[in-house]
Structure formats: C-alpha cells, structure tokens
C-alpha atoms as a PDB file:
ATOM      1  CA  MET A   1     101.638  60.935 -26.946  1.00  0.00           C
ATOM      2  CA  GLU A   2      99.830  60.072 -30.150  1.00  0.00           C
ATOM      3  CA  PHE A   3      98.152  56.751 -30.789  1.00  0.00           C
ATOM      4  CA  LEU A   4      95.246  55.465 -32.844  1.00  0.00           C
ATOM      5  CA  ILE A   5      92.441  53.238 -31.541  1.00  0.00           C
ATOM      6  CA  ARG A   6      90.811  51.153 -34.270  1.00  0.00           C
ATOM      7  CA  ASP A   7      89.018  47.872 -34.895  1.00  0.00           C
ATOM      8  CA  ALA A   8      91.456  44.983 -35.106  1.00  0.00           C
ATOM      9  CA  GLN A   9      92.116  43.285 -38.415  1.00  0.00           C
ATOM     10  CA  PRO A  10      93.181  39.661 -38.985  1.00  0.00           C
ATOM     11  CA  ALA A  11      96.757  40.821 -39.679  1.00  0.00           C
ATOM     12  CA  ASP A  12      96.877  42.281 -36.137  1.00  0.00           C
ATOM     13  CA  MET A  13      96.343  38.947 -34.420  1.00  0.00           C
ATOM     14  CA  LYS A  14     100.065  38.138 -34.172  1.00  0.00           C
ATOM     15  CA  HIS A  15     100.534  41.370 -32.221  1.00  0.00           C
ATOM     16  CA  VAL A  16      97.385  40.732 -30.188  1.00  0.00           C
ATOM     17  CA  LEU A  17      98.755  37.320 -29.192  1.00  0.00           C
ATOM     18  CA  ASN A  18     102.073  38.896 -28.189  1.00  0.00           C
ATOM     19  CA  LEU A  19     100.221  41.270 -25.851  1.00  0.00           C
ATOM     20  CA  ILE A  20      98.142  38.378 -24.463  1.00  0.00           C
ATOM     21  CA  GLN A  21     101.385  36.540 -23.700  1.00  0.00           C
ATOM     22  CA  GLU A  22     102.824  39.694 -22.089  1.00  0.00           C
ATOM     23  CA  LEU A  23      99.740  39.865 -19.847  1.00  0.00           C
ATOM     24  CA  ALA A  24     100.023  36.186 -18.947  1.00  0.00           C
ATOM     25  CA  SER A  25     103.613  36.745 -17.825  1.00  0.00           C
ATOM     26  CA  PHE A  26     102.571  39.812 -15.799  1.00  0.00           C
ATOM     27  CA  GLU A  27      99.838  37.725 -14.160  1.00  0.00           C
ATOM     28  CA  LYS A  28     102.422  35.044 -13.264  1.00  0.00           C
ATOM     29  CA  GLU A  29     100.942  32.519 -15.738  1.00  0.00           C
ATOM     30  CA  PRO A  30     103.510  32.614 -18.579  1.00  0.00           C
ATOM     31  CA  ASN A  31     102.666  29.112 -19.835  1.00  0.00           C
ATOM     32  CA  ALA A  32      98.869  29.380 -19.604  1.00  0.00           C
ATOM     33  CA  VAL A  33      98.159  30.842 -23.062  1.00  0.00           C
ATOM     34  CA  GLU A  34      96.822  28.143 -25.378  1.00  0.00           C
ATOM     35  CA  VAL A  35      95.153  30.309 -28.012  1.00  0.00           C
ATOM     36  CA  THR A  36      96.984  30.711 -31.325  1.00  0.00           C
ATOM     37  CA  VAL A  37      97.037  33.329 -34.058  1.00  0.00           C
ATOM     38  CA  THR A  38      94.956  30.916 -36.147  1.00  0.00           C
ATOM     39  CA  ASP A  39      92.371  30.657 -33.336  1.00  0.00           C
ATOM     40  CA  LEU A  40      92.194  34.440 -32.987  1.00  0.00           C
ATOM     41  CA  LYS A  41      91.715  34.913 -36.727  1.00  0.00           C
ATOM     42  CA  LYS A  42      89.049  32.201 -36.897  1.00  0.00           C
ATOM     43  CA  ASP A  43      87.174  33.343 -33.806  1.00  0.00           C
ATOM     44  CA  GLY A  44      87.371  37.106 -34.286  1.00  0.00           C
ATOM     45  CA  PHE A  45      86.451  37.490 -37.923  1.00  0.00           C
ATOM     46  CA  GLY A  46      83.942  36.145 -40.416  1.00  0.00           C
ATOM     47  CA  ASP A  47      80.314  35.129 -40.063  1.00  0.00           C
ATOM     48  CA  ASN A  48      80.538  33.603 -36.577  1.00  0.00           C
ATOM     49  CA  LYS A  49      82.561  36.215 -34.693  1.00  0.00           C
ATOM     50  CA  LEU A  50      83.068  35.237 -31.066  1.00  0.00           C
ATOM     51  CA  PHE A  51      84.714  38.494 -30.046  1.00  0.00           C
ATOM     52  CA  HIS A  52      85.424  42.058 -31.081  1.00  0.00           C
ATOM     53  CA  CYS A  53      88.846  43.575 -30.585  1.00  0.00           C
ATOM     54  CA  PHE A  54      90.106  47.127 -30.550  1.00  0.00           C
ATOM     55  CA  VAL A  55      93.807  47.748 -31.033  1.00  0.00           C
ATOM     56  CA  ALA A  56      95.845  50.764 -30.074  1.00  0.00           C
ATOM     57  CA  GLU A  57      98.538  51.636 -32.535  1.00  0.00           C
ATOM     58  CA  LYS A  58     101.523  53.925 -32.134  1.00  0.00           C
ATOM     59  CA  GLU A  59     103.926  54.464 -35.017  1.00  0.00           C
ATOM     60  CA  ASN A  60     102.339  51.513 -36.885  1.00  0.00           C
ATOM     61  CA  ARG A  61     102.903  49.185 -33.911  1.00  0.00           C
ATOM     62  CA  VAL A  62     100.131  47.556 -31.852  1.00  0.00           C
ATOM     63  CA  VAL A  63     100.764  48.629 -28.250  1.00  0.00           C
ATOM     64  CA  GLY A  64      97.410  47.856 -26.641  1.00  0.00           C
ATOM     65  CA  ILE A  65      94.187  45.910 -27.047  1.00  0.00           C
ATOM     66  CA  ALA A  66      90.705  45.623 -25.632  1.00  0.00           C
ATOM     67  CA  LEU A  67      89.008  42.303 -26.406  1.00  0.00           C
ATOM     68  CA  ILE A  68      85.272  42.075 -25.736  1.00  0.00           C
ATOM     69  CA  TYR A  69      82.388  39.742 -26.434  1.00  0.00           C
ATOM     70  CA  PRO A  70      78.602  39.681 -25.931  1.00  0.00           C
ATOM     71  CA  ARG A  71      77.005  38.160 -22.849  1.00  0.00           C
ATOM     72  CA  TYR A  72      73.527  38.045 -21.440  1.00  0.00           C
ATOM     73  CA  SER A  73      72.483  38.768 -17.873  1.00  0.00           C
ATOM     74  CA  THR A  74      69.308  37.159 -16.565  1.00  0.00           C
ATOM     75  CA  TRP A  75      68.860  40.250 -14.377  1.00  0.00           C
ATOM     76  CA  LYS A  76      69.825  43.003 -16.813  1.00  0.00           C
ATOM     77  CA  GLY A  77      69.697  41.666 -20.373  1.00  0.00           C
ATOM     78  CA  ALA A  78      72.289  42.329 -23.076  1.00  0.00           C
ATOM     79  CA  MET A  79      75.776  43.093 -21.854  1.00  0.00           C
ATOM     80  CA  VAL A  80      79.386  43.123 -23.002  1.00  0.00           C
ATOM     81  CA  HIS A  81      82.245  41.328 -21.289  1.00  0.00           C
ATOM     82  CA  LEU A  82      85.685  42.908 -21.424  1.00  0.00           C
ATOM     83  CA  GLU A  83      87.959  39.878 -21.471  1.00  0.00           C
ATOM     84  CA  ASP A  84      91.201  41.818 -21.475  1.00  0.00           C
ATOM     85  CA  LEU A  85      92.406  45.386 -21.649  1.00  0.00           C
ATOM     86  CA  ILE A  86      96.157  45.173 -22.231  1.00  0.00           C
ATOM     87  CA  VAL A  87      98.609  48.031 -22.536  1.00  0.00           C
ATOM     88  CA  ALA A  88     102.225  47.272 -23.441  1.00  0.00           C
ATOM     89  CA  GLU A  89     104.463  47.959 -20.467  1.00  0.00           C
ATOM     90  CA  GLU A  90     106.273  50.868 -22.127  1.00  0.00           C
ATOM     91  CA  MET A  91     102.914  52.589 -22.788  1.00  0.00           C
ATOM     92  CA  ARG A  92     101.480  52.362 -19.261  1.00  0.00           C
ATOM     93  CA  GLY A  93     100.688  55.790 -17.852  1.00  0.00           C
ATOM     94  CA  SER A  94     100.335  57.320 -21.322  1.00  0.00           C
ATOM     95  CA  GLY A  95      96.527  57.516 -21.342  1.00  0.00           C
ATOM     96  CA  LEU A  96      96.273  54.519 -23.645  1.00  0.00           C
ATOM     97  CA  GLY A  97      94.338  52.400 -21.120  1.00  0.00           C
ATOM     98  CA  THR A  98      91.802  55.188 -20.748  1.00  0.00           C
ATOM     99  CA  ALA A  99      91.480  55.521 -24.530  1.00  0.00           C
ATOM    100  CA  LEU A 100      90.867  51.784 -24.903  1.00  0.00           C
ATOM    101  CA  LEU A 101      88.327  51.712 -22.060  1.00  0.00           C
ATOM    102  CA  ASP A 102      86.612  54.768 -23.578  1.00  0.00           C
ATOM    103  CA  GLU A 103      86.263  52.857 -26.848  1.00  0.00           C
ATOM    104  CA  VAL A 104      84.784  49.815 -25.086  1.00  0.00           C
ATOM    105  CA  VAL A 105      82.255  51.956 -23.195  1.00  0.00           C
ATOM    106  CA  LYS A 106      81.244  53.849 -26.346  1.00  0.00           C
ATOM    107  CA  TYR A 107      80.846  50.509 -28.181  1.00  0.00           C
ATOM    108  CA  GLY A 108      78.673  49.080 -25.395  1.00  0.00           C
ATOM    109  CA  HIS A 109      76.604  52.254 -25.251  1.00  0.00           C
ATOM    110  CA  LYS A 110      76.074  52.130 -29.025  1.00  0.00           C
ATOM    111  CA  LEU A 111      74.875  48.525 -28.676  1.00  0.00           C
ATOM    112  CA  GLY A 112      72.509  49.555 -25.896  1.00  0.00           C
ATOM    113  CA  VAL A 113      73.896  47.075 -23.368  1.00  0.00           C
ATOM    114  CA  LYS A 114      72.820  47.231 -19.735  1.00  0.00           C
ATOM    115  CA  ARG A 115      76.243  46.357 -18.327  1.00  0.00           C
ATOM    116  CA  ILE A 116      79.908  46.050 -19.200  1.00  0.00           C
ATOM    117  CA  SER A 117      81.723  43.635 -16.925  1.00  0.00           C
ATOM    118  CA  TRP A 118      85.214  42.266 -16.433  1.00  0.00           C
ATOM    119  CA  GLU A 119      87.478  40.721 -13.812  1.00  0.00           C
ATOM    120  CA  VAL A 120      90.656  42.028 -12.229  1.00  0.00           C
ATOM    121  CA  LEU A 121      93.123  40.119 -10.071  1.00  0.00           C
ATOM    122  CA  ASP A 122      92.817  41.121  -6.422  1.00  0.00           C
ATOM    123  CA  TRP A 123      96.551  41.881  -6.185  1.00  0.00           C
ATOM    124  CA  ASN A 124      96.578  44.180  -9.228  1.00  0.00           C
ATOM    125  CA  GLU A 125      96.065  47.354  -7.206  1.00  0.00           C
ATOM    126  CA  PRO A 126      97.055  49.765 -10.024  1.00  0.00           C
ATOM    127  CA  ALA A 127      94.353  48.255 -12.281  1.00  0.00           C
ATOM    128  CA  ILE A 128      91.786  48.288  -9.469  1.00  0.00           C
ATOM    129  CA  ALA A 129      92.530  51.948  -8.734  1.00  0.00           C
ATOM    130  CA  PHE A 130      92.314  52.760 -12.467  1.00  0.00           C
ATOM    131  CA  TYR A 131      88.912  51.084 -12.841  1.00  0.00           C
ATOM    132  CA  GLU A 132      87.496  52.619  -9.666  1.00  0.00           C
ATOM    133  CA  LYS A 133      88.697  56.064 -10.769  1.00  0.00           C
ATOM    134  CA  LYS A 134      86.688  55.528 -13.985  1.00  0.00           C
ATOM    135  CA  GLY A 135      83.547  54.812 -11.942  1.00  0.00           C
ATOM    136  CA  ALA A 136      83.587  51.011 -12.119  1.00  0.00           C
ATOM    137  CA  ARG A 137      82.478  49.039  -9.085  1.00  0.00           C
ATOM    138  CA  VAL A 138      84.932  46.324  -8.036  1.00  0.00           C
ATOM    139  CA  MET A 139      82.828  43.587  -6.454  1.00  0.00           C
ATOM    140  CA  ARG A 140      85.251  42.001  -4.015  1.00  0.00           C
ATOM    141  CA  ASP A 141      82.678  39.644  -2.548  1.00  0.00           C
ATOM    142  CA  TRP A 142      82.308  37.592  -5.744  1.00  0.00           C
ATOM    143  CA  ASP A 143      84.540  34.680  -6.734  1.00  0.00           C
ATOM    144  CA  VAL A 144      85.225  33.684 -10.326  1.00  0.00           C
ATOM    145  CA  VAL A 145      84.164  30.093 -11.038  1.00  0.00           C
ATOM    146  CA  GLN A 146      85.534  28.163 -14.003  1.00  0.00           C
ATOM    147  CA  LEU A 147      85.728  24.713 -15.463  1.00  0.00           C
ATOM    148  CA  ASP A 148      88.866  24.389 -17.572  1.00  0.00           C
ATOM    149  CA  GLU A 149      89.262  21.840 -20.358  1.00  0.00           C
ATOM    150  CA  THR A 150      90.382  19.123 -17.927  1.00  0.00           C
ATOM    151  CA  GLY A 151      87.508  19.940 -15.575  1.00  0.00           C
ATOM    152  CA  ILE A 152      85.000  19.776 -18.444  1.00  0.00           C
ATOM    153  CA  ARG A 153      86.387  16.406 -19.516  1.00  0.00           C
ATOM    154  CA  LYS A 154      86.149  15.020 -15.946  1.00  0.00           C
ATOM    155  CA  TYR A 155      82.621  16.389 -15.588  1.00  0.00           C
ATOM    156  CA  ILE A 156      81.531  14.665 -18.815  1.00  0.00           C
ATOM    157  CA  ASP A 157      83.280  11.439 -17.780  1.00  0.00           C
ATOM    158  CA  ASN A 158      81.365  11.523 -14.486  1.00  0.00           C
ATOM    159  CA  LEU A 159      78.088  12.173 -16.313  1.00  0.00           C
ATOM    160  CA  GLU A 160      78.729   9.250 -18.648  1.00  0.00           C
ATOM    161  CA  ALA A 161      79.723   6.987 -15.748  1.00  0.00           C
ATOM    162  CA  SER A 162      76.552   7.964 -13.886  1.00  0.00           C
ATOM    163  CA  SER A 163      74.344   7.190 -16.888  1.00  0.00           C
ATOM    164  CA  ILE A 164      75.995   3.786 -17.341  1.00  0.00           C
ATOM    165  CA  ASN A 165      75.673   2.925 -13.644  1.00  0.00           C
ATOM    166  CA  GLY A 166      72.383   4.611 -13.040  1.00  0.00           C
END
C-alpha cells in the first residue's frame, strides 16, 4: 500500500481536524474537540509555532497524522511530546502507523532530544501492543493530571479570593 509522509501544510488542517474528531469519537469523547481549523493554522504555522505535524497521504487524501511539540524534562532535558498519532480507520493495519511513528522518532533524533513521550488510554490494547512492539515503555503506574479550562478558571478564582481575604 503506497502512501506519502510529509510535513503538514496549512491547507491540510481541515483534514487534520477531521482525523482529530475521528479519534475523539473512537475514544468515546465525540463532543470534546474544541480546536478549530483556524486554531490549527494559527498554532502550527508562522513565527510562533506551537506544534509540528506530519501527515500521511494516500491518493491525495490525508489518512493519518502525527502531531508533536517540544517539551522539557527536568531530569533529561529537551524532549518531544507526541500528542496524537491518528490513522484513519480504513488504513489501520496498513503500516501507516509505523511509518508515522518512524517519522516522529527520526525527527526527535535529528533534534537531539533525550525522550519522546506520549499517553495511551489504558483500554486501547491494540495501541499499547503496537507501542510496546516498537520498544516503547508503557508506564502504567503514572496517572495523567490536567487542569481543563474550567479548572484553570476556578483555580484563578480561588487565588484571587485568597488574596482578597488574606
């Protein structure tokens, strides 16, 4: 099966968003995607790039993505975070996921990073098996911690209330 892995372009962001929405549905969060094509174009291109994206193309159609961004580890130094590796359902098992992960690892190696990290849902056994087969270590004893927009707002409100009362 022939496909091309390349750097994403702004015109690809509509297709990237479609794949993000496909992943959200797969992960049982179909209404969780808030990012827009405009956000992706603004944040992925120009002088203040927040992420880098690879797309996989087959017959001029985007059928997979790998979206990454820089991070820093206090223990290791420079690293890359793989936010999402998404393969369209009809392309799963074609080698496309491997090709995208290969591209991410080569990119990180070229940058000289000390680590490439990402998360996987604990119930996504096919993805876990795929990553372990590639030599990745799935750290099951760590929990992901997040503050969403509402949590950030409440945190700030509590800080402001404390400074007024304190």
